[in-house]
């Protein structure tokens, strides 16, 4: 059985042969070690979330 990551928005599997977005999120703590998580989103899901965002 092949494992595909789950989309962080719609919770459906993200097939690597489709267009997708990978996001790395880092939680910064002052007293502890930082935590890093990876998220995968279908392209259409990412655009629905990120629409309207601007460059920092």
N, C-alpha and C. Protein backbone atom coordinates (compact mmCIF):
# COMPACT_ATOMS: atom_id res chain seq x y z
N UNK A 1 0.83 -1.17 0.00
CA UNK A 1 0.00 0.00 0.00
C UNK A 1 0.88 1.24 0.00
N UNK A 2 0.56 2.19 -0.85
CA UNK A 2 1.32 3.42 -0.96
C UNK A 2 0.74 4.48 -0.04
N UNK A 3 1.61 5.15 0.69
CA UNK A 3 1.17 6.21 1.60
C UNK A 3 1.36 7.56 0.92
N UNK A 4 0.31 8.36 0.90
CA UNK A 4 0.38 9.73 0.42
C UNK A 4 0.05 10.65 1.59
N UNK A 5 0.72 11.80 1.67
CA UNK A 5 0.39 12.74 2.75
C UNK A 5 -1.03 13.29 2.58
N UNK A 6 -1.58 13.81 3.65
CA UNK A 6 -2.94 14.34 3.65
C UNK A 6 -2.89 15.86 3.52
N UNK A 7 -3.80 16.41 2.74
CA UNK A 7 -3.89 17.86 2.57
C UNK A 7 -4.31 18.50 3.89
N UNK A 8 -3.63 19.55 4.29
CA UNK A 8 -3.91 20.23 5.55
C UNK A 8 -5.24 20.98 5.52
N UNK A 9 -5.82 21.19 4.33
CA UNK A 9 -7.07 21.93 4.22
C UNK A 9 -8.25 20.98 4.08
N UNK A 10 -8.23 20.13 3.04
CA UNK A 10 -9.40 19.29 2.75
C UNK A 10 -9.28 17.87 3.31
N UNK A 11 -8.11 17.51 3.83
CA UNK A 11 -7.85 16.20 4.45
C UNK A 11 -7.89 15.03 3.47
N UNK A 12 -7.87 15.31 2.16
CA UNK A 12 -7.79 14.25 1.15
C UNK A 12 -6.31 13.97 0.87
N UNK A 13 -6.01 12.79 0.30
CA UNK A 13 -4.62 12.45 0.00
C UNK A 13 -4.06 13.36 -1.09
N UNK A 14 -2.77 13.70 -0.95
CA UNK A 14 -2.07 14.53 -1.94
C UNK A 14 -1.18 13.60 -2.75
N UNK A 15 -1.56 13.38 -4.00
CA UNK A 15 -0.79 12.52 -4.89
C UNK A 15 0.42 13.32 -5.40
N UNK A 16 1.64 12.79 -5.26
CA UNK A 16 2.83 13.54 -5.68
C UNK A 16 2.90 13.82 -7.18
N UNK A 17 2.07 13.15 -7.98
CA UNK A 17 2.06 13.42 -9.41
C UNK A 17 1.19 14.63 -9.75
N UNK A 18 0.43 15.16 -8.77
CA UNK A 18 -0.38 16.35 -8.96
C UNK A 18 0.39 17.58 -8.49
N UNK A 19 -0.12 18.77 -8.84
CA UNK A 19 0.47 20.01 -8.32
C UNK A 19 0.12 20.13 -6.85
N UNK A 20 1.10 20.44 -6.03
CA UNK A 20 0.85 20.60 -4.60
C UNK A 20 1.83 21.61 -4.03
N UNK A 21 1.55 22.04 -2.81
CA UNK A 21 2.39 23.00 -2.09
C UNK A 21 2.85 22.33 -0.81
N UNK A 22 4.12 22.50 -0.49
CA UNK A 22 4.68 21.99 0.75
C UNK A 22 5.05 23.19 1.62
N UNK A 23 4.59 23.19 2.87
CA UNK A 23 4.84 24.30 3.78
C UNK A 23 5.54 23.76 5.02
N UNK A 24 6.62 24.42 5.42
CA UNK A 24 7.31 24.05 6.65
C UNK A 24 7.01 25.12 7.69
N UNK A 25 6.51 24.69 8.82
CA UNK A 25 6.13 25.61 9.89
C UNK A 25 7.04 25.35 11.09
N UNK A 26 7.57 26.43 11.63
CA UNK A 26 8.46 26.30 12.79
C UNK A 26 7.85 27.05 13.96
N UNK A 27 7.68 26.34 15.06
CA UNK A 27 7.21 26.93 16.30
C UNK A 27 8.44 27.29 17.12
N UNK A 28 8.56 28.55 17.47
CA UNK A 28 9.73 29.00 18.23
C UNK A 28 9.37 29.19 19.69
N UNK A 29 10.10 28.51 20.53
CA UNK A 29 9.91 28.61 21.97
C UNK A 29 11.17 29.23 22.58
N UNK A 30 11.00 30.07 23.58
CA UNK A 30 12.15 30.73 24.17
C UNK A 30 12.94 29.80 25.09
N UNK A 31 12.26 28.92 25.80
CA UNK A 31 12.96 28.08 26.77
C UNK A 31 13.20 26.66 26.28
N UNK A 32 12.48 26.24 25.22
CA UNK A 32 12.59 24.86 24.74
C UNK A 32 13.12 24.83 23.31
N UNK A 33 13.33 23.61 22.85
CA UNK A 33 13.74 23.40 21.48
C UNK A 33 12.59 23.74 20.53
N UNK A 34 12.89 24.29 19.37
CA UNK A 34 11.86 24.63 18.39
C UNK A 34 11.30 23.37 17.74
N UNK A 35 10.00 23.41 17.38
CA UNK A 35 9.34 22.30 16.69
C UNK A 35 9.10 22.68 15.24
N UNK A 36 9.37 21.76 14.33
CA UNK A 36 9.14 22.00 12.91
C UNK A 36 8.16 20.95 12.40
N UNK A 37 7.13 21.41 11.67
CA UNK A 37 6.14 20.52 11.06
C UNK A 37 6.10 20.79 9.57
N UNK A 38 5.85 19.74 8.79
CA UNK A 38 5.66 19.86 7.35
C UNK A 38 4.20 19.64 7.02
N UNK A 39 3.66 20.50 6.16
CA UNK A 39 2.27 20.39 5.73
C UNK A 39 2.24 20.33 4.21
N UNK A 40 1.30 19.57 3.68
CA UNK A 40 1.10 19.46 2.24
C UNK A 40 -0.30 19.92 1.91
N UNK A 41 -0.44 20.65 0.80
CA UNK A 41 -1.73 21.16 0.39
C UNK A 41 -1.87 20.97 -1.13
N UNK A 42 -3.07 20.60 -1.58
CA UNK A 42 -3.33 20.61 -3.01
C UNK A 42 -3.16 22.06 -3.48
N UNK A 43 -2.80 22.24 -4.72
CA UNK A 43 -2.59 23.59 -5.25
C UNK A 43 -3.85 24.45 -5.07
N UNK A 44 -5.02 23.88 -5.40
CA UNK A 44 -6.28 24.65 -5.30
C UNK A 44 -6.61 24.98 -3.85
N UNK A 45 -6.30 24.08 -2.93
CA UNK A 45 -6.54 24.34 -1.50
C UNK A 45 -5.61 25.44 -1.00
N UNK A 46 -4.35 25.38 -1.42
CA UNK A 46 -3.38 26.41 -1.01
C UNK A 46 -3.81 27.78 -1.52
N UNK A 47 -4.27 27.85 -2.76
CA UNK A 47 -4.68 29.14 -3.32
C UNK A 47 -5.91 29.67 -2.61
N UNK A 48 -6.80 28.80 -2.15
CA UNK A 48 -7.98 29.26 -1.42
C UNK A 48 -7.60 29.83 -0.05
N UNK A 49 -6.52 29.31 0.53
CA UNK A 49 -6.07 29.80 1.84
C UNK A 49 -5.18 31.04 1.68
N UNK A 50 -4.26 31.01 0.72
CA UNK A 50 -3.26 32.06 0.59
C UNK A 50 -3.72 33.23 -0.27
N UNK A 51 -4.89 33.15 -0.90
CA UNK A 51 -5.37 34.23 -1.77
C UNK A 51 -5.46 35.53 -0.97
N UNK A 52 -4.84 36.56 -1.47
CA UNK A 52 -4.87 37.84 -0.78
C UNK A 52 -3.65 38.10 0.09
N UNK A 53 -2.82 37.08 0.33
CA UNK A 53 -1.61 37.30 1.11
C UNK A 53 -0.62 38.09 0.27
N UNK A 54 0.27 38.82 0.91
CA UNK A 54 1.30 39.56 0.19
C UNK A 54 2.67 39.12 0.70
N UNK A 55 3.68 39.52 -0.04
CA UNK A 55 5.05 39.19 0.35
C UNK A 55 5.39 39.89 1.67
N UNK A 56 6.12 39.23 2.57
CA UNK A 56 6.49 39.89 3.83
C UNK A 56 7.52 40.98 3.60
